[in-house]
Amino acid sequence: MDEIRQRLAVLAPVKVELIDDSALHAGHAGARSGGGHYRLSIVSAAFAGKNTVFRHRMIYDALGDMMRKEIHALAIQAETPEDL
């Protein structure tokens, strides 16, 4: 989870809440391959003017190869400070 937070730092978030739900998915195909299940709530001014799909792409880009290995599933809530 520390590496996820480090990679998300490029988005200059003012808030990051990351929850590891992997234990809830024990036995799931993604869990067997080692990929974790996470919930992410992130607030960043970098999302201003971007739609939900683009915000998610920004997060996927920041996480890079982790999305193919360490992360099997990621539920995302991405907002700007103004959205709150």
PDB file of N, CA and C in Angstrom:
ATOM      1  N   MET A   1       0.818  -1.192   0.000  1.00  0.00           N
ATOM      2  CA  MET A   1       0.000   0.000   0.000  1.00  0.00           C
ATOM      3  C   MET A   1       0.863   1.257   0.000  1.00  0.00           C
ATOM      4  N   ASP A   2       2.050   1.169   0.582  1.00  0.00           N
ATOM      5  CA  ASP A   2       2.938   2.326   0.580  1.00  0.00           C
ATOM      6  C   ASP A   2       3.340   2.715  -0.834  1.00  0.00           C
ATOM      7  N   GLU A   3       3.615   1.712  -1.669  1.00  0.00           N
ATOM      8  CA  GLU A   3       4.010   2.026  -3.044  1.00  0.00           C
ATOM      9  C   GLU A   3       2.850   2.652  -3.814  1.00  0.00           C
ATOM     10  N   ILE A   4       1.640   2.209  -3.569  1.00  0.00           N
ATOM     11  CA  ILE A   4       0.474   2.815  -4.216  1.00  0.00           C
ATOM     12  C   ILE A   4       0.413   4.292  -3.839  1.00  0.00           C
ATOM     13  N   ARG A   5       0.537   4.587  -2.557  1.00  0.00           N
ATOM     14  CA  ARG A   5       0.509   5.983  -2.094  1.00  0.00           C
ATOM     15  C   ARG A   5       1.643   6.800  -2.719  1.00  0.00           C
ATOM     16  N   GLN A   6       2.829   6.211  -2.806  1.00  0.00           N
ATOM     17  CA  GLN A   6       3.972   6.917  -3.387  1.00  0.00           C
ATOM     18  C   GLN A   6       3.718   7.251  -4.847  1.00  0.00           C
ATOM     19  N   ARG A   7       3.167   6.308  -5.580  1.00  0.00           N
ATOM     20  CA  ARG A   7       2.917   6.547  -7.006  1.00  0.00           C
ATOM     21  C   ARG A   7       1.806   7.584  -7.219  1.00  0.00           C
ATOM     22  N   LEU A   8       0.817   7.587  -6.341  1.00  0.00           N
ATOM     23  CA  LEU A   8      -0.263   8.565  -6.458  1.00  0.00           C
ATOM     24  C   LEU A   8       0.191   9.980  -6.114  1.00  0.00           C
ATOM     25  N   ALA A   9       1.342  10.108  -5.486  1.00  0.00           N
ATOM     26  CA  ALA A   9       1.868  11.428  -5.105  1.00  0.00           C
ATOM     27  C   ALA A   9       2.060  12.344  -6.309  1.00  0.00           C
ATOM     28  N   VAL A  10       2.255  11.788  -7.511  1.00  0.00           N
ATOM     29  CA  VAL A  10       2.419  12.618  -8.711  1.00  0.00           C
ATOM     30  C   VAL A  10       1.160  13.439  -8.997  1.00  0.00           C
ATOM     31  N   LEU A  11       0.018  13.024  -8.434  1.00  0.00           N
ATOM     32  CA  LEU A  11      -1.234  13.756  -8.627  1.00  0.00           C
ATOM     33  C   LEU A  11      -1.430  14.838  -7.569  1.00  0.00           C
ATOM     34  N   ALA A  12      -0.450  15.001  -6.683  1.00  0.00           N
ATOM     35  CA  ALA A  12      -0.490  16.002  -5.611  1.00  0.00           C
ATOM     36  C   ALA A  12      -1.822  15.974  -4.861  1.00  0.00           C
ATOM     37  N   PRO A  13      -2.202  14.808  -4.348  1.00  0.00           N
ATOM     38  CA  PRO A  13      -3.491  14.724  -3.654  1.00  0.00           C
ATOM     39  C   PRO A  13      -3.474  15.468  -2.321  1.00  0.00           C
ATOM     40  N   VAL A  14      -4.616  16.049  -1.992  1.00  0.00           N
ATOM     41  CA  VAL A  14      -4.771  16.678  -0.673  1.00  0.00           C
ATOM     42  C   VAL A  14      -5.363  15.673   0.309  1.00  0.00           C
ATOM     43  N   LYS A  15      -5.878  14.556  -0.230  1.00  0.00           N
ATOM     44  CA  LYS A  15      -6.427  13.494   0.610  1.00  0.00           C
ATOM     45  C   LYS A  15      -6.348  12.177  -0.144  1.00  0.00           C
ATOM     46  N   VAL A  16      -5.904  11.136   0.553  1.00  0.00           N
ATOM     47  CA  VAL A  16      -5.889   9.781   0.000  1.00  0.00           C
ATOM     48  C   VAL A  16      -6.350   8.828   1.094  1.00  0.00           C
ATOM     49  N   GLU A  17      -7.405   8.091   0.800  1.00  0.00           N
ATOM     50  CA  GLU A  17      -7.844   7.017   1.686  1.00  0.00           C
ATOM     51  C   GLU A  17      -7.778   5.737   0.882  1.00  0.00           C
ATOM     52  N   LEU A  18      -6.983   4.799   1.353  1.00  0.00           N
ATOM     53  CA  LEU A  18      -6.784   3.539   0.643  1.00  0.00           C
ATOM     54  C   LEU A  18      -7.114   2.402   1.595  1.00  0.00           C
ATOM     55  N   ILE A  19      -8.027   1.556   1.174  1.00  0.00           N
ATOM     56  CA  ILE A  19      -8.465   0.430   1.998  1.00  0.00           C
ATOM     57  C   ILE A  19      -8.180  -0.861   1.251  1.00  0.00           C
ATOM     58  N   ASP A  20      -7.517  -1.785   1.937  1.00  0.00           N
ATOM     59  CA  ASP A  20      -7.201  -3.095   1.364  1.00  0.00           C
ATOM     60  C   ASP A  20      -8.341  -4.055   1.684  1.00  0.00           C
ATOM     61  N   ASP A  21      -9.090  -4.432   0.655  1.00  0.00           N
ATOM     62  CA  ASP A  21     -10.208  -5.369   0.795  1.00  0.00           C
ATOM     63  C   ASP A  21      -9.829  -6.775   0.345  1.00  0.00           C
ATOM     64  N   SER A  22      -8.564  -7.056   0.206  1.00  0.00           N
ATOM     65  CA  SER A  22      -8.110  -8.335  -0.336  1.00  0.00           C
ATOM     66  C   SER A  22      -8.630  -9.529   0.458  1.00  0.00           C
ATOM     67  N   ALA A  23      -8.681  -9.411   1.770  1.00  0.00           N
ATOM     68  CA  ALA A  23      -9.139 -10.534   2.602  1.00  0.00           C
ATOM     69  C   ALA A  23     -10.585 -10.911   2.295  1.00  0.00           C
ATOM     70  N   LEU A  24     -11.373  -9.949   1.813  1.00  0.00           N
ATOM     71  CA  LEU A  24     -12.765 -10.226   1.478  1.00  0.00           C
ATOM     72  C   LEU A  24     -12.907 -11.039   0.201  1.00  0.00           C
ATOM     73  N   HIS A  25     -11.815 -11.150  -0.545  1.00  0.00           N
ATOM     74  CA  HIS A  25     -11.845 -11.828  -1.840  1.00  0.00           C
ATOM     75  C   HIS A  25     -10.978 -13.083  -1.855  1.00  0.00           C
ATOM     76  N   ALA A  26     -10.721 -13.656  -0.704  1.00  0.00           N
ATOM     77  CA  ALA A  26      -9.912 -14.870  -0.622  1.00  0.00           C
ATOM     78  C   ALA A  26     -10.525 -15.954  -1.508  1.00  0.00           C
ATOM     79  N   GLY A  27      -9.682 -16.615  -2.273  1.00  0.00           N
ATOM     80  CA  GLY A  27     -10.151 -17.662  -3.173  1.00  0.00           C
ATOM     81  C   GLY A  27     -10.532 -17.166  -4.554  1.00  0.00           C
ATOM     82  N   HIS A  28     -10.688 -15.863  -4.705  1.00  0.00           N
ATOM     83  CA  HIS A  28     -11.004 -15.260  -5.998  1.00  0.00           C
ATOM     84  C   HIS A  28      -9.792 -15.409  -6.920  1.00  0.00           C
ATOM     85  N   ALA A  29     -10.026 -15.523  -8.201  1.00  0.00           N
ATOM     86  CA  ALA A  29      -8.940 -15.734  -9.162  1.00  0.00           C
ATOM     87  C   ALA A  29      -7.844 -14.678  -9.030  1.00  0.00           C
ATOM     88  N   GLY A  30      -8.225 -13.422  -8.857  1.00  0.00           N
ATOM     89  CA  GLY A  30      -7.234 -12.361  -8.722  1.00  0.00           C
ATOM     90  C   GLY A  30      -6.433 -12.496  -7.449  1.00  0.00           C
ATOM     91  N   ALA A  31      -7.067 -12.965  -6.393  1.00  0.00           N
ATOM     92  CA  ALA A  31      -6.369 -13.160  -5.128  1.00  0.00           C
ATOM     93  C   ALA A  31      -5.357 -14.297  -5.245  1.00  0.00           C
ATOM     94  N   ARG A  32      -5.708 -15.340  -5.970  1.00  0.00           N
ATOM     95  CA  ARG A  32      -4.789 -16.478  -6.148  1.00  0.00           C
ATOM     96  C   ARG A  32      -3.542 -16.068  -6.913  1.00  0.00           C
ATOM     97  N   SER A  33      -3.672 -15.116  -7.824  1.00  0.00           N
ATOM     98  CA  SER A  33      -2.508 -14.683  -8.599  1.00  0.00           C
ATOM     99  C   SER A  33      -1.698 -13.619  -7.871  1.00  0.00           C
ATOM    100  N   GLY A  34      -2.135 -13.238  -6.688  1.00  0.00           N
ATOM    101  CA  GLY A  34      -1.375 -12.291  -5.883  1.00  0.00           C
ATOM    102  C   GLY A  34      -1.841 -10.856  -5.991  1.00  0.00           C
ATOM    103  N   GLY A  35      -2.792 -10.557  -6.861  1.00  0.00           N
ATOM    104  CA  GLY A  35      -3.273  -9.193  -7.010  1.00  0.00           C
ATOM    105  C   GLY A  35      -4.244  -8.824  -5.908  1.00  0.00           C
ATOM    106  N   GLY A  36      -4.074  -7.634  -5.346  1.00  0.00           N
ATOM    107  CA  GLY A  36      -4.931  -7.181  -4.260  1.00  0.00           C
ATOM    108  C   GLY A  36      -6.182  -6.471  -4.748  1.00  0.00           C
ATOM    109  N   HIS A  37      -7.151  -6.369  -3.855  1.00  0.00           N
ATOM    110  CA  HIS A  37      -8.403  -5.654  -4.090  1.00  0.00           C
ATOM    111  C   HIS A  37      -8.405  -4.432  -3.171  1.00  0.00           C
ATOM    112  N   TYR A  38      -8.570  -3.250  -3.740  1.00  0.00           N
ATOM    113  CA  TYR A  38      -8.469  -2.010  -2.969  1.00  0.00           C
ATOM    114  C   TYR A  38      -9.628  -1.075  -3.274  1.00  0.00           C
ATOM    115  N   ARG A  39      -9.919  -0.212  -2.290  1.00  0.00           N
ATOM    116  CA  ARG A  39     -10.835   0.913  -2.469  1.00  0.00           C
ATOM    117  C   ARG A  39     -10.020   2.178  -2.263  1.00  0.00           C
ATOM    118  N   LEU A  40     -10.144   3.119  -3.204  1.00  0.00           N
ATOM    119  CA  LEU A  40      -9.389   4.358  -3.164  1.00  0.00           C
ATOM    120  C   LEU A  40     -10.328   5.550  -3.216  1.00  0.00           C
ATOM    121  N   SER A  41     -10.155   6.454  -2.268  1.00  0.00           N
ATOM    122  CA  SER A  41     -10.810   7.753  -2.302  1.00  0.00           C
ATOM    123  C   SER A  41      -9.688   8.776  -2.355  1.00  0.00           C
ATOM    124  N   ILE A  42      -9.669   9.587  -3.405  1.00  0.00           N
ATOM    125  CA  ILE A  42      -8.577  10.532  -3.604  1.00  0.00           C
ATOM    126  C   ILE A  42      -9.140  11.892  -4.010  1.00  0.00           C
ATOM    127  N   VAL A  43      -8.563  12.937  -3.439  1.00  0.00           N
ATOM    128  CA  VAL A  43      -8.961  14.312  -3.746  1.00  0.00           C
ATOM    129  C   VAL A  43      -7.729  15.042  -4.257  1.00  0.00           C
ATOM    130  N   SER A  44      -7.848  15.623  -5.449  1.00  0.00           N
ATOM    131  CA  SER A  44      -6.721  16.328  -6.052  1.00  0.00           C
ATOM    132  C   SER A  44      -7.216  17.423  -6.992  1.00  0.00           C
ATOM    133  N   ALA A  45      -6.555  18.548  -6.960  1.00  0.00           N
ATOM    134  CA  ALA A  45      -6.867  19.631  -7.893  1.00  0.00           C
ATOM    135  C   ALA A  45      -6.531  19.227  -9.329  1.00  0.00           C
ATOM    136  N   ALA A  46      -5.673  18.216  -9.497  1.00  0.00           N
ATOM    137  CA  ALA A  46      -5.303  17.741 -10.837  1.00  0.00           C
ATOM    138  C   ALA A  46      -6.506  17.192 -11.600  1.00  0.00           C
ATOM    139  N   PHE A  47      -7.578  16.844 -10.900  1.00  0.00           N
ATOM    140  CA  PHE A  47      -8.773  16.303 -11.543  1.00  0.00           C
ATOM    141  C   PHE A  47      -9.723  17.385 -12.057  1.00  0.00           C
ATOM    142  N   ALA A  48      -9.427  18.636 -11.762  1.00  0.00           N
ATOM    143  CA  ALA A  48     -10.316  19.731 -12.164  1.00  0.00           C
ATOM    144  C   ALA A  48     -10.525  19.737 -13.679  1.00  0.00           C
ATOM    145  N   GLY A  49     -11.790  19.836 -14.072  1.00  0.00           N
ATOM    146  CA  GLY A  49     -12.137  19.895 -15.487  1.00  0.00           C
ATOM    147  C   GLY A  49     -12.090  18.554 -16.201  1.00  0.00           C
ATOM    148  N   LYS A  50     -11.804  17.477 -15.475  1.00  0.00           N
ATOM    149  CA  LYS A  50     -11.706  16.146 -16.072  1.00  0.00           C
ATOM    150  C   LYS A  50     -12.947  15.334 -15.720  1.00  0.00           C
ATOM    151  N   ASN A  51     -13.422  14.533 -16.652  1.00  0.00           N
ATOM    152  CA  ASN A  51     -14.562  13.666 -16.355  1.00  0.00           C
ATOM    153  C   ASN A  51     -14.077  12.438 -15.578  1.00  0.00           C
ATOM    154  N   THR A  52     -15.016  11.626 -15.130  1.00  0.00           N
ATOM    155  CA  THR A  52     -14.693  10.464 -14.302  1.00  0.00           C
ATOM    156  C   THR A  52     -13.746   9.504 -15.009  1.00  0.00           C
ATOM    157  N   VAL A  53     -13.999   9.223 -16.266  1.00  0.00           N
ATOM    158  CA  VAL A  53     -13.150   8.291 -17.012  1.00  0.00           C
ATOM    159  C   VAL A  53     -11.725   8.806 -17.091  1.00  0.00           C
ATOM    160  N   PHE A  54     -11.537  10.082 -17.366  1.00  0.00           N
ATOM    161  CA  PHE A  54     -10.193  10.642 -17.471  1.00  0.00           C
ATOM    162  C   PHE A  54      -9.502  10.649 -16.111  1.00  0.00           C
ATOM    163  N   ARG A  55     -10.241  10.925 -15.052  1.00  0.00           N
ATOM    164  CA  ARG A  55      -9.668  10.892 -13.698  1.00  0.00           C
ATOM    165  C   ARG A  55      -9.147   9.494 -13.387  1.00  0.00           C
ATOM    166  N   HIS A  56      -9.932   8.482 -13.738  1.00  0.00           N
ATOM    167  CA  HIS A  56      -9.504   7.101 -13.501  1.00  0.00           C
ATOM    168  C   HIS A  56      -8.269   6.773 -14.330  1.00  0.00           C
ATOM    169  N   ARG A  57      -8.224   7.238 -15.564  1.00  0.00           N
ATOM    170  CA  ARG A  57      -7.048   7.004 -16.407  1.00  0.00           C
ATOM    171  C   ARG A  57      -5.808   7.648 -15.800  1.00  0.00           C
ATOM    172  N   MET A  58      -5.965   8.825 -15.216  1.00  0.00           N
ATOM    173  CA  MET A  58      -4.834   9.481 -14.563  1.00  0.00           C
ATOM    174  C   MET A  58      -4.298   8.618 -13.420  1.00  0.00           C
ATOM    175  N   ILE A  59      -5.207   8.026 -12.673  1.00  0.00           N
ATOM    176  CA  ILE A  59      -4.810   7.159 -11.557  1.00  0.00           C
ATOM    177  C   ILE A  59      -4.136   5.906 -12.087  1.00  0.00           C
ATOM    178  N   TYR A  60      -4.727   5.270 -13.109  1.00  0.00           N
ATOM    179  CA  TYR A  60      -4.119   4.075 -13.699  1.00  0.00           C
ATOM    180  C   TYR A  60      -2.720   4.384 -14.239  1.00  0.00           C
ATOM    181  N   ASP A  61      -2.563   5.534 -14.881  1.00  0.00           N
ATOM    182  CA  ASP A  61      -1.251   5.928 -15.396  1.00  0.00           C
ATOM    183  C   ASP A  61      -0.246   6.098 -14.265  1.00  0.00           C
ATOM    184  N   ALA A  62      -0.682   6.705 -13.172  1.00  0.00           N
ATOM    185  CA  ALA A  62       0.210   6.903 -12.029  1.00  0.00           C
ATOM    186  C   ALA A  62       0.634   5.562 -11.425  1.00  0.00           C
ATOM    187  N   LEU A  63      -0.272   4.607 -11.401  1.00  0.00           N
ATOM    188  CA  LEU A  63       0.025   3.295 -10.811  1.00  0.00           C
ATOM    189  C   LEU A  63       0.787   2.385 -11.766  1.00  0.00           C
ATOM    190  N   GLY A  64       0.699   2.669 -13.062  1.00  0.00           N
ATOM    191  CA  GLY A  64       1.489   1.953 -14.065  1.00  0.00           C
ATOM    192  C   GLY A  64       1.349   0.451 -14.004  1.00  0.00           C
ATOM    193  N   ASP A  65       2.488  -0.250 -13.972  1.00  0.00           N
ATOM    194  CA  ASP A  65       2.505  -1.708 -14.032  1.00  0.00           C
ATOM    195  C   ASP A  65       1.888  -2.374 -12.804  1.00  0.00           C
ATOM    196  N   MET A  66       1.670  -1.638 -11.740  1.00  0.00           N
ATOM    197  CA  MET A  66       1.013  -2.218 -10.558  1.00  0.00           C
ATOM    198  C   MET A  66      -0.405  -2.679 -10.900  1.00  0.00           C
ATOM    199  N   MET A  67      -1.029  -2.036 -11.893  1.00  0.00           N
ATOM    200  CA  MET A  67      -2.391  -2.401 -12.282  1.00  0.00           C
ATOM    201  C   MET A  67      -2.434  -3.765 -12.970  1.00  0.00           C
ATOM    202  N   ARG A  68      -1.308  -4.253 -13.411  1.00  0.00           N
ATOM    203  CA  ARG A  68      -1.274  -5.567 -14.070  1.00  0.00           C
ATOM    204  C   ARG A  68      -0.742  -6.653 -13.146  1.00  0.00           C
ATOM    205  N   LYS A  69      -0.162  -6.269 -12.025  1.00  0.00           N
ATOM    206  CA  LYS A  69       0.472  -7.252 -11.146  1.00  0.00           C
ATOM    207  C   LYS A  69      -0.091  -7.186  -9.727  1.00  0.00           C
ATOM    208  N   GLU A  70       0.310  -6.185  -8.987  1.00  0.00           N
ATOM    209  CA  GLU A  70      -0.022  -6.094  -7.572  1.00  0.00           C
ATOM    210  C   GLU A  70      -1.488  -5.754  -7.297  1.00  0.00           C
ATOM    211  N   ILE A  71      -2.133  -5.088  -8.253  1.00  0.00           N
ATOM    212  CA  ILE A  71      -3.525  -4.665  -8.064  1.00  0.00           C
ATOM    213  C   ILE A  71      -4.411  -5.436  -9.037  1.00  0.00           C
ATOM    214  N   HIS A  72      -5.339  -6.204  -8.485  1.00  0.00           N
ATOM    215  CA  HIS A  72      -6.294  -6.930  -9.326  1.00  0.00           C
ATOM    216  C   HIS A  72      -7.559  -6.098  -9.530  1.00  0.00           C
ATOM    217  N   ALA A  73      -8.008  -5.417  -8.477  1.00  0.00           N
ATOM    218  CA  ALA A  73      -9.233  -4.618  -8.558  1.00  0.00           C
ATOM    219  C   ALA A  73      -9.041  -3.336  -7.754  1.00  0.00           C
ATOM    220  N   LEU A  74      -9.542  -2.238  -8.314  1.00  0.00           N
ATOM    221  CA  LEU A  74      -9.422  -0.939  -7.661  1.00  0.00           C
ATOM    222  C   LEU A  74     -10.723  -0.166  -7.849  1.00  0.00           C
ATOM    223  N   ALA A  75     -11.445   0.019  -6.755  1.00  0.00           N
ATOM    224  CA  ALA A  75     -12.660   0.842  -6.778  1.00  0.00           C
ATOM    225  C   ALA A  75     -12.219   2.270  -6.471  1.00  0.00           C
ATOM    226  N   ILE A  76     -12.585   3.200  -7.344  1.00  0.00           N
ATOM    227  CA  ILE A  76     -12.061   4.566  -7.253  1.00  0.00           C
ATOM    228  C   ILE A  76     -13.168   5.588  -7.052  1.00  0.00           C
ATOM    229  N   GLN A  77     -12.915   6.495  -6.118  1.00  0.00           N
ATOM    230  CA  GLN A  77     -13.709   7.722  -5.981  1.00  0.00           C
ATOM    231  C   GLN A  77     -12.688   8.851  -6.083  1.00  0.00           C
ATOM    232  N   ALA A  78     -12.728   9.597  -7.193  1.00  0.00           N
ATOM    233  CA  ALA A  78     -11.759  10.660  -7.457  1.00  0.00           C
ATOM    234  C   ALA A  78     -12.486  11.987  -7.547  1.00  0.00           C
ATOM    235  N   GLU A  79     -12.102  12.918  -6.692  1.00  0.00           N
ATOM    236  CA  GLU A  79     -12.780  14.219  -6.635  1.00  0.00           C
ATOM    237  C   GLU A  79     -11.762  15.352  -6.561  1.00  0.00           C
ATOM    238  N   THR A  80     -12.240  16.545  -6.884  1.00  0.00           N
ATOM    239  CA  THR A  80     -11.431  17.747  -6.681  1.00  0.00           C
ATOM    240  C   THR A  80     -11.813  18.331  -5.327  1.00  0.00           C
ATOM    241  N   PRO A  81     -11.008  19.221  -4.772  1.00  0.00           N
ATOM    242  CA  PRO A  81     -11.391  19.864  -3.516  1.00  0.00           C
ATOM    243  C   PRO A  81     -12.735  20.599  -3.642  1.00  0.00           C
ATOM    244  N   GLU A  82     -13.026  21.112  -4.823  1.00  0.00           N
ATOM    245  CA  GLU A  82     -14.285  21.833  -5.036  1.00  0.00           C
ATOM    246  C   GLU A  82     -15.489  20.904  -5.055  1.00  0.00           C
ATOM    247  N   ASP A  83     -15.278  19.627  -5.374  1.00  0.00           N
ATOM    248  CA  ASP A  83     -16.355  18.654  -5.408  1.00  0.00           C
ATOM    249  C   ASP A  83     -16.899  18.344  -4.012  1.00  0.00           C
ATOM    250  N   LEU A  84     -16.084  18.590  -3.014  1.00  0.00           N
ATOM    251  CA  LEU A  84     -16.479  18.220  -1.643  1.00  0.00           C
ATOM    252  C   LEU A  84     -17.493  19.150  -1.048  1.00  0.00           C
TER     253      LEU A  84
END
